[in-house]
Amino acid sequence: MKTLLVYYSRTGNTRMIANTISESIECDMEEIVEKDKRKGIVGYLKSGYQASRGKVDHIEDSKYELSDYDLLIIGTPVWAGKMSVPVRTYLKKNMNKIPLLACFCTCGGSGIEKTIEDVGSYVNTTPLASFGIKSSDIKDGTYKNIIEKFAQEVI
């Protein structure tokens, strides 16, 4: 199955998990790049506000054509119990090209289940596989077992 892993990372946690997944499975990988930056406390507050309202924003064009893939793995940080605005924007731009879907999210505390539900309901499908990782799991290394299980589910 030809797989594309697409993710957005504001702080680097989602990027690190995406890189770990790509080491476990054979896939192409792309980071969503926003045209506007979300740095500092103002960026943090703006991100939560826009996510809670279901907003979309401007992102750079993708380098991969999604319709060339059998599986999309989408990775997002949790913002106000929702997927990030850049991920929502990517999904909206590619809505009619989404093949099988798997997803993951990273968060500082809570909202994993709501975020995975948000992704699935937005594209009107149940993800083939999904997981969420808290930043505490990243710090203590327990995320590696979760990713191994996820990789087995999507291969």
N, C-alpha and C. Protein backbone atom coordinates (compact mmCIF):
# COMPACT_ATOMS: atom_id res chain seq x y z
N MET A 1 0.85 -1.17 0.00
CA MET A 1 0.00 0.00 0.00
C MET A 1 0.90 1.24 0.00
N LYS A 2 0.70 2.13 -0.95
CA LYS A 2 1.48 3.36 -1.04
C LYS A 2 0.92 4.37 -0.03
N THR A 3 1.81 4.85 0.86
CA THR A 3 1.37 5.66 1.99
C THR A 3 2.03 7.03 1.98
N LEU A 4 1.22 8.04 2.30
CA LEU A 4 1.72 9.40 2.49
C LEU A 4 1.42 9.82 3.91
N LEU A 5 2.44 10.27 4.63
CA LEU A 5 2.29 10.79 5.98
C LEU A 5 2.42 12.31 5.91
N VAL A 6 1.36 13.00 6.31
CA VAL A 6 1.32 14.47 6.29
C VAL A 6 1.05 14.93 7.71
N TYR A 7 1.80 15.94 8.15
CA TYR A 7 1.65 16.41 9.53
C TYR A 7 1.90 17.91 9.63
N TYR A 8 1.42 18.47 10.72
CA TYR A 8 1.73 19.85 11.08
C TYR A 8 2.27 19.82 12.51
N SER A 9 3.30 20.62 12.77
CA SER A 9 3.87 20.68 14.10
C SER A 9 4.23 22.13 14.43
N ARG A 10 3.65 22.64 15.50
CA ARG A 10 3.98 24.00 15.94
C ARG A 10 5.18 23.98 16.87
N THR A 11 5.28 22.98 17.75
CA THR A 11 6.33 22.94 18.77
C THR A 11 7.41 21.90 18.49
N GLY A 12 7.17 20.99 17.56
CA GLY A 12 8.15 19.95 17.25
C GLY A 12 7.76 18.56 17.72
N ASN A 13 6.78 18.44 18.62
CA ASN A 13 6.37 17.12 19.11
C ASN A 13 5.75 16.27 18.00
N THR A 14 4.84 16.84 17.24
CA THR A 14 4.19 16.09 16.17
C THR A 14 5.20 15.71 15.09
N ARG A 15 6.15 16.59 14.81
CA ARG A 15 7.22 16.31 13.85
C ARG A 15 8.04 15.10 14.30
N MET A 16 8.39 15.06 15.58
CA MET A 16 9.19 13.95 16.10
C MET A 16 8.44 12.63 15.99
N ILE A 17 7.16 12.63 16.29
CA ILE A 17 6.35 11.41 16.18
C ILE A 17 6.23 11.01 14.71
N ALA A 18 6.02 11.97 13.82
CA ALA A 18 5.93 11.67 12.39
C ALA A 18 7.24 11.03 11.89
N ASN A 19 8.36 11.57 12.31
CA ASN A 19 9.65 11.00 11.91
C ASN A 19 9.81 9.57 12.43
N THR A 20 9.35 9.32 13.64
CA THR A 20 9.44 7.97 14.21
C THR A 20 8.55 7.00 13.43
N ILE A 21 7.36 7.44 13.06
CA ILE A 21 6.47 6.59 12.25
C ILE A 21 7.13 6.28 10.91
N SER A 22 7.70 7.30 10.27
CA SER A 22 8.30 7.10 8.94
C SER A 22 9.50 6.15 9.00
N GLU A 23 10.14 6.03 10.15
CA GLU A 23 11.21 5.06 10.32
C GLU A 23 10.66 3.63 10.47
N SER A 24 9.39 3.53 10.89
CA SER A 24 8.77 2.22 11.11
C SER A 24 8.08 1.66 9.88
N ILE A 25 7.61 2.52 9.01
CA ILE A 25 6.90 2.08 7.81
C ILE A 25 7.48 2.79 6.59
N GLU A 26 7.31 2.18 5.45
CA GLU A 26 7.77 2.81 4.22
C GLU A 26 6.70 3.78 3.74
N CYS A 27 7.06 5.07 3.71
CA CYS A 27 6.09 6.07 3.28
C CYS A 27 6.80 7.34 2.85
N ASP A 28 6.12 8.13 2.06
CA ASP A 28 6.56 9.49 1.78
C ASP A 28 6.04 10.36 2.91
N MET A 29 6.74 11.46 3.19
CA MET A 29 6.34 12.30 4.31
C MET A 29 6.42 13.77 3.90
N GLU A 30 5.46 14.54 4.40
CA GLU A 30 5.42 15.97 4.11
C GLU A 30 4.92 16.74 5.32
N GLU A 31 5.60 17.84 5.61
CA GLU A 31 5.15 18.74 6.67
C GLU A 31 4.29 19.84 6.05
N ILE A 32 3.16 20.11 6.66
CA ILE A 32 2.31 21.21 6.22
C ILE A 32 2.99 22.51 6.68
N VAL A 33 3.14 23.43 5.75
CA VAL A 33 3.79 24.71 6.05
C VAL A 33 2.76 25.82 5.89
N GLU A 34 2.59 26.58 6.95
CA GLU A 34 1.67 27.72 6.92
C GLU A 34 2.36 28.94 6.35
N LYS A 35 1.57 29.80 5.77
CA LYS A 35 2.12 31.06 5.28
C LYS A 35 2.29 32.05 6.42
N ASP A 36 1.45 31.98 7.45
CA ASP A 36 1.57 32.82 8.64
C ASP A 36 2.10 31.96 9.77
N LYS A 37 2.95 32.53 10.61
CA LYS A 37 3.54 31.77 11.72
C LYS A 37 2.71 31.92 12.99
N ARG A 38 2.87 30.96 13.91
CA ARG A 38 2.10 30.91 15.15
C ARG A 38 3.04 30.85 16.35
N LYS A 39 4.02 31.70 16.43
CA LYS A 39 5.01 31.65 17.50
C LYS A 39 4.53 32.39 18.74
N GLY A 40 5.06 31.95 19.88
CA GLY A 40 4.83 32.65 21.15
C GLY A 40 3.42 32.48 21.69
N ILE A 41 3.14 33.24 22.74
CA ILE A 41 1.85 33.16 23.42
C ILE A 41 0.71 33.64 22.52
N VAL A 42 0.96 34.65 21.72
CA VAL A 42 -0.09 35.14 20.81
C VAL A 42 -0.43 34.06 19.79
N GLY A 43 0.58 33.39 19.25
CA GLY A 43 0.34 32.30 18.31
C GLY A 43 -0.42 31.15 18.95
N TYR A 44 -0.08 30.86 20.21
CA TYR A 44 -0.76 29.79 20.95
C TYR A 44 -2.24 30.13 21.13
N LEU A 45 -2.52 31.35 21.58
CA LEU A 45 -3.92 31.76 21.80
C LEU A 45 -4.70 31.80 20.49
N LYS A 46 -4.09 32.34 19.45
CA LYS A 46 -4.73 32.40 18.13
C LYS A 46 -5.05 30.99 17.63
N SER A 47 -4.12 30.07 17.84
CA SER A 47 -4.30 28.70 17.37
C SER A 47 -5.50 28.03 18.02
N GLY A 48 -5.59 28.14 19.35
CA GLY A 48 -6.72 27.55 20.07
C GLY A 48 -8.04 28.17 19.66
N TYR A 49 -8.07 29.48 19.54
CA TYR A 49 -9.29 30.18 19.15
C TYR A 49 -9.76 29.73 17.77
N GLN A 50 -8.84 29.74 16.79
CA GLN A 50 -9.23 29.37 15.43
C GLN A 50 -9.65 27.90 15.33
N ALA A 51 -8.95 27.03 16.05
CA ALA A 51 -9.30 25.60 16.02
C ALA A 51 -10.69 25.38 16.60
N SER A 52 -10.99 26.04 17.71
CA SER A 52 -12.30 25.86 18.34
C SER A 52 -13.44 26.35 17.46
N ARG A 53 -13.15 27.24 16.55
CA ARG A 53 -14.15 27.77 15.63
C ARG A 53 -14.18 27.05 14.28
N GLY A 54 -13.30 26.04 14.09
CA GLY A 54 -13.28 25.29 12.83
C GLY A 54 -12.75 26.08 11.66
N LYS A 55 -11.86 27.01 11.92
CA LYS A 55 -11.32 27.88 10.87
C LYS A 55 -10.31 27.14 9.99
N VAL A 56 -10.09 27.68 8.80
CA VAL A 56 -9.02 27.25 7.92
C VAL A 56 -8.13 28.47 7.67
N ASP A 57 -6.92 28.23 7.16
CA ASP A 57 -5.96 29.31 6.95
C ASP A 57 -5.20 29.03 5.66
N HIS A 58 -4.16 29.78 5.41
CA HIS A 58 -3.38 29.63 4.19
C HIS A 58 -2.17 28.73 4.44
N ILE A 59 -2.03 27.69 3.60
CA ILE A 59 -0.88 26.80 3.68
C ILE A 59 -0.22 26.76 2.30
N GLU A 60 1.05 26.38 2.31
CA GLU A 60 1.76 26.24 1.04
C GLU A 60 1.26 25.00 0.31
N ASP A 61 1.40 25.00 -1.02
CA ASP A 61 0.97 23.85 -1.83
C ASP A 61 1.76 22.61 -1.46
N SER A 62 1.11 21.47 -1.56
CA SER A 62 1.74 20.18 -1.27
C SER A 62 2.71 19.80 -2.38
N LYS A 63 3.76 19.08 -2.01
CA LYS A 63 4.69 18.60 -3.03
C LYS A 63 4.28 17.22 -3.55
N TYR A 64 3.38 16.54 -2.84
CA TYR A 64 2.89 15.23 -3.25
C TYR A 64 1.43 15.32 -3.68
N GLU A 65 1.06 14.52 -4.67
CA GLU A 65 -0.33 14.45 -5.12
C GLU A 65 -1.04 13.35 -4.35
N LEU A 66 -1.97 13.71 -3.49
CA LEU A 66 -2.63 12.76 -2.61
C LEU A 66 -3.34 11.65 -3.36
N SER A 67 -3.88 11.94 -4.52
CA SER A 67 -4.60 10.90 -5.27
C SER A 67 -3.68 9.78 -5.77
N ASP A 68 -2.38 9.94 -5.63
CA ASP A 68 -1.42 8.89 -6.01
C ASP A 68 -1.20 7.86 -4.89
N TYR A 69 -1.88 8.02 -3.77
CA TYR A 69 -1.63 7.19 -2.59
C TYR A 69 -2.86 6.37 -2.21
N ASP A 70 -2.59 5.25 -1.53
CA ASP A 70 -3.65 4.37 -1.05
C ASP A 70 -4.05 4.69 0.39
N LEU A 71 -3.13 5.28 1.15
CA LEU A 71 -3.35 5.58 2.56
C LEU A 71 -2.75 6.93 2.90
N LEU A 72 -3.54 7.75 3.58
CA LEU A 72 -3.06 9.01 4.14
C LEU A 72 -2.99 8.86 5.65
N ILE A 73 -1.81 9.11 6.21
CA ILE A 73 -1.66 9.22 7.66
C ILE A 73 -1.53 10.70 7.95
N ILE A 74 -2.45 11.23 8.74
CA ILE A 74 -2.43 12.65 9.06
C ILE A 74 -2.07 12.83 10.53
N GLY A 75 -1.17 13.76 10.82
CA GLY A 75 -0.73 14.01 12.18
C GLY A 75 -0.97 15.46 12.57
N THR A 76 -1.52 15.66 13.75
CA THR A 76 -1.88 16.99 14.20
C THR A 76 -1.67 17.17 15.69
N PRO A 77 -1.30 18.36 16.11
CA PRO A 77 -1.37 18.64 17.54
C PRO A 77 -2.83 18.89 17.92
N VAL A 78 -3.13 18.73 19.18
CA VAL A 78 -4.47 19.02 19.70
C VAL A 78 -4.53 20.50 20.06
N TRP A 79 -5.48 21.18 19.48
CA TRP A 79 -5.71 22.59 19.79
C TRP A 79 -7.16 22.73 20.22
N ALA A 80 -7.41 23.01 21.48
CA ALA A 80 -8.76 23.22 22.01
C ALA A 80 -9.66 22.02 21.73
N GLY A 81 -9.10 20.80 21.82
CA GLY A 81 -9.86 19.59 21.59
C GLY A 81 -10.19 19.34 20.14
N LYS A 82 -9.50 20.00 19.24
CA LYS A 82 -9.74 19.87 17.79
C LYS A 82 -8.41 19.66 17.08
N MET A 83 -8.49 19.29 15.80
CA MET A 83 -7.28 19.23 14.98
C MET A 83 -6.78 20.65 14.75
N SER A 84 -5.52 20.77 14.44
CA SER A 84 -4.93 22.09 14.19
C SER A 84 -5.52 22.71 12.92
N VAL A 85 -5.49 24.02 12.85
CA VAL A 85 -6.01 24.75 11.69
C VAL A 85 -5.27 24.35 10.40
N PRO A 86 -3.93 24.22 10.41
CA PRO A 86 -3.27 23.81 9.16
C PRO A 86 -3.70 22.42 8.67
N VAL A 87 -3.92 21.49 9.59
CA VAL A 87 -4.38 20.16 9.18
C VAL A 87 -5.80 20.24 8.62
N ARG A 88 -6.66 21.00 9.27
CA ARG A 88 -8.03 21.19 8.74
C ARG A 88 -7.96 21.78 7.34
N THR A 89 -7.08 22.75 7.13
CA THR A 89 -6.93 23.38 5.82
C THR A 89 -6.47 22.37 4.78
N TYR A 90 -5.48 21.55 5.14
CA TYR A 90 -4.99 20.51 4.22
C TYR A 90 -6.11 19.55 3.84
N LEU A 91 -6.86 19.09 4.82
CA LEU A 91 -7.95 18.14 4.55
C LEU A 91 -9.02 18.79 3.67
N LYS A 92 -9.33 20.05 3.94
CA LYS A 92 -10.33 20.73 3.12
C LYS A 92 -9.86 20.85 1.67
N LYS A 93 -8.59 21.20 1.47
CA LYS A 93 -8.06 21.35 0.11
C LYS A 93 -8.04 20.02 -0.64
N ASN A 94 -7.97 18.92 0.08
CA ASN A 94 -7.82 17.60 -0.54
C ASN A 94 -9.02 16.68 -0.29
N MET A 95 -10.12 17.25 0.09
CA MET A 95 -11.29 16.47 0.52
C MET A 95 -11.70 15.39 -0.48
N ASN A 96 -11.67 15.68 -1.76
CA ASN A 96 -12.13 14.70 -2.75
C ASN A 96 -11.05 13.72 -3.17
N LYS A 97 -9.85 13.80 -2.56
CA LYS A 97 -8.75 12.91 -2.92
C LYS A 97 -8.36 11.97 -1.79
N ILE A 98 -9.00 12.06 -0.65
CA ILE A 98 -8.56 11.31 0.53
C ILE A 98 -8.84 9.82 0.35
N PRO A 99 -7.78 9.00 0.38
CA PRO A 99 -7.95 7.54 0.29
C PRO A 99 -8.27 6.99 1.69
N LEU A 100 -7.84 5.79 1.99
CA LEU A 100 -7.94 5.30 3.36
C LEU A 100 -7.22 6.28 4.27
N LEU A 101 -7.70 6.38 5.50
CA LEU A 101 -7.16 7.38 6.42
C LEU A 101 -6.75 6.75 7.73
N ALA A 102 -5.61 7.17 8.24
CA ALA A 102 -5.18 6.87 9.60
C ALA A 102 -4.73 8.20 10.18
N CYS A 103 -4.77 8.33 11.50
CA CYS A 103 -4.38 9.62 12.07
C CYS A 103 -3.74 9.45 13.44
N PHE A 104 -3.01 10.49 13.83
CA PHE A 104 -2.43 10.54 15.16
C PHE A 104 -2.41 11.99 15.61
N CYS A 105 -2.36 12.17 16.91
CA CYS A 105 -2.29 13.52 17.46
C CYS A 105 -1.37 13.54 18.67
N THR A 106 -0.87 14.72 18.96
CA THR A 106 -0.04 14.94 20.13
C THR A 106 -0.68 16.04 20.96
N CYS A 107 -0.50 15.93 22.27
CA CYS A 107 -1.12 16.95 23.13
C CYS A 107 -0.34 17.11 24.43
N GLY A 108 -0.57 18.23 25.07
CA GLY A 108 0.04 18.50 26.36
C GLY A 108 -0.73 17.87 27.50
N GLY A 109 -2.02 17.66 27.33
CA GLY A 109 -2.82 17.13 28.42
C GLY A 109 -3.95 16.25 27.95
N SER A 110 -5.07 16.86 27.56
CA SER A 110 -6.25 16.08 27.20
C SER A 110 -6.71 16.46 25.79
N GLY A 111 -7.73 15.75 25.32
CA GLY A 111 -8.34 16.07 24.04
C GLY A 111 -8.04 15.10 22.92
N ILE A 112 -7.34 14.01 23.22
CA ILE A 112 -6.96 13.05 22.18
C ILE A 112 -8.20 12.48 21.49
N GLU A 113 -9.12 11.94 22.26
CA GLU A 113 -10.30 11.29 21.66
C GLU A 113 -11.12 12.27 20.85
N LYS A 114 -11.33 13.48 21.40
CA LYS A 114 -12.11 14.49 20.68
C LYS A 114 -11.44 14.89 19.38
N THR A 115 -10.12 14.96 19.39
CA THR A 115 -9.40 15.36 18.18
C THR A 115 -9.48 14.29 17.10
N ILE A 116 -9.31 13.05 17.48
CA ILE A 116 -9.42 11.95 16.51
C ILE A 116 -10.84 11.90 15.95
N GLU A 117 -11.83 12.11 16.81
CA GLU A 117 -13.22 12.18 16.36
C GLU A 117 -13.42 13.36 15.41
N ASP A 118 -12.79 14.50 15.71
CA ASP A 118 -12.88 15.69 14.86
C ASP A 118 -12.35 15.40 13.46
N VAL A 119 -11.20 14.74 13.37
CA VAL A 119 -10.61 14.39 12.07
C VAL A 119 -11.57 13.48 11.30
N GLY A 120 -12.03 12.41 11.94
CA GLY A 120 -12.91 11.46 11.27
C GLY A 120 -14.21 12.07 10.80
N SER A 121 -14.83 12.89 11.65
CA SER A 121 -16.10 13.49 11.25
C SER A 121 -15.91 14.54 10.17
N TYR A 122 -14.77 15.23 10.18
CA TYR A 122 -14.53 16.26 9.16
C TYR A 122 -14.44 15.65 7.76
N VAL A 123 -13.80 14.50 7.65
CA VAL A 123 -13.67 13.85 6.34
C VAL A 123 -14.71 12.76 6.13
N ASN A 124 -15.61 12.62 7.10
CA ASN A 124 -16.73 11.68 7.02
C ASN A 124 -16.26 10.24 6.83
N THR A 125 -15.29 9.83 7.64
CA THR A 125 -14.80 8.46 7.60
C THR A 125 -14.23 8.08 8.96
N THR A 126 -14.21 6.81 9.24
CA THR A 126 -13.58 6.32 10.46
C THR A 126 -12.15 5.94 10.12
N PRO A 127 -11.17 6.51 10.83
CA PRO A 127 -9.78 6.16 10.53
C PRO A 127 -9.51 4.67 10.68
N LEU A 128 -8.71 4.15 9.78
CA LEU A 128 -8.28 2.76 9.80
C LEU A 128 -7.56 2.45 11.11
N ALA A 129 -6.75 3.38 11.56
CA ALA A 129 -6.02 3.27 12.82
C ALA A 129 -5.78 4.67 13.34
N SER A 130 -5.65 4.81 14.65
CA SER A 130 -5.40 6.13 15.23
C SER A 130 -4.77 5.97 16.60
N PHE A 131 -4.10 7.01 17.03
CA PHE A 131 -3.55 7.04 18.39
C PHE A 131 -3.26 8.48 18.77
N GLY A 132 -3.10 8.70 20.05
CA GLY A 132 -2.70 9.99 20.57
C GLY A 132 -1.56 9.82 21.56
N ILE A 133 -0.70 10.80 21.58
CA ILE A 133 0.48 10.77 22.46
C ILE A 133 0.50 12.06 23.27
N LYS A 134 0.64 11.91 24.56
CA LYS A 134 0.81 13.08 25.43
C LYS A 134 2.29 13.45 25.50
N SER A 135 2.55 14.71 25.75
CA SER A 135 3.95 15.14 25.82
C SER A 135 4.71 14.40 26.92
N SER A 136 4.02 13.97 27.97
CA SER A 136 4.68 13.19 29.02
C SER A 136 5.13 11.83 28.49
N ASP A 137 4.37 11.24 27.54
CA ASP A 137 4.77 9.98 26.92
C ASP A 137 6.00 10.17 26.03
N ILE A 138 6.12 11.35 25.43
CA ILE A 138 7.28 11.65 24.61
C ILE A 138 8.52 11.76 25.50
N LYS A 139 8.37 12.46 26.61
CA LYS A 139 9.50 12.67 27.52
C LYS A 139 10.01 11.37 28.12
N ASP A 140 9.09 10.44 28.47
CA ASP A 140 9.55 9.21 29.12
C ASP A 140 9.79 8.05 28.14
N GLY A 141 9.52 8.27 26.84
CA GLY A 141 9.84 7.27 25.84
C GLY A 141 8.79 6.19 25.63
N THR A 142 7.66 6.24 26.33
CA THR A 142 6.65 5.20 26.19
C THR A 142 5.91 5.26 24.85
N TYR A 143 6.10 6.33 24.10
CA TYR A 143 5.43 6.47 22.82
C TYR A 143 5.90 5.42 21.80
N LYS A 144 7.09 4.88 21.96
CA LYS A 144 7.65 3.94 20.97
C LYS A 144 6.79 2.69 20.83
N ASN A 145 6.28 2.16 21.93
CA ASN A 145 5.39 0.98 21.86
C ASN A 145 4.09 1.30 21.15
N ILE A 146 3.57 2.50 21.39
CA ILE A 146 2.33 2.92 20.74
C ILE A 146 2.53 3.00 19.23
N ILE A 147 3.66 3.55 18.81
CA ILE A 147 3.94 3.67 17.38
C ILE A 147 4.16 2.31 16.73
N GLU A 148 4.81 1.39 17.43
CA GLU A 148 4.98 0.03 16.89
C GLU A 148 3.63 -0.62 16.61
N LYS A 149 2.72 -0.49 17.56
CA LYS A 149 1.37 -1.07 17.39
C LYS A 149 0.66 -0.40 16.21
N PHE A 150 0.74 0.92 16.11
CA PHE A 150 0.12 1.66 15.02
C PHE A 150 0.69 1.20 13.67
N ALA A 151 2.01 1.07 13.59
CA ALA A 151 2.66 0.64 12.34
C ALA A 151 2.15 -0.73 11.90
N GLN A 152 1.95 -1.64 12.84
CA GLN A 152 1.42 -2.96 12.51
C GLN A 152 -0.02 -2.87 11.97
N GLU A 153 -0.79 -1.93 12.49
CA GLU A 153 -2.17 -1.78 12.05
C GLU A 153 -2.28 -1.22 10.64
N VAL A 154 -1.33 -0.38 10.22
CA VAL A 154 -1.44 0.26 8.92
C VAL A 154 -0.64 -0.42 7.81
N ILE A 155 0.22 -1.36 8.17
CA ILE A 155 1.02 -2.04 7.14
C ILE A 155 0.17 -3.07 6.40
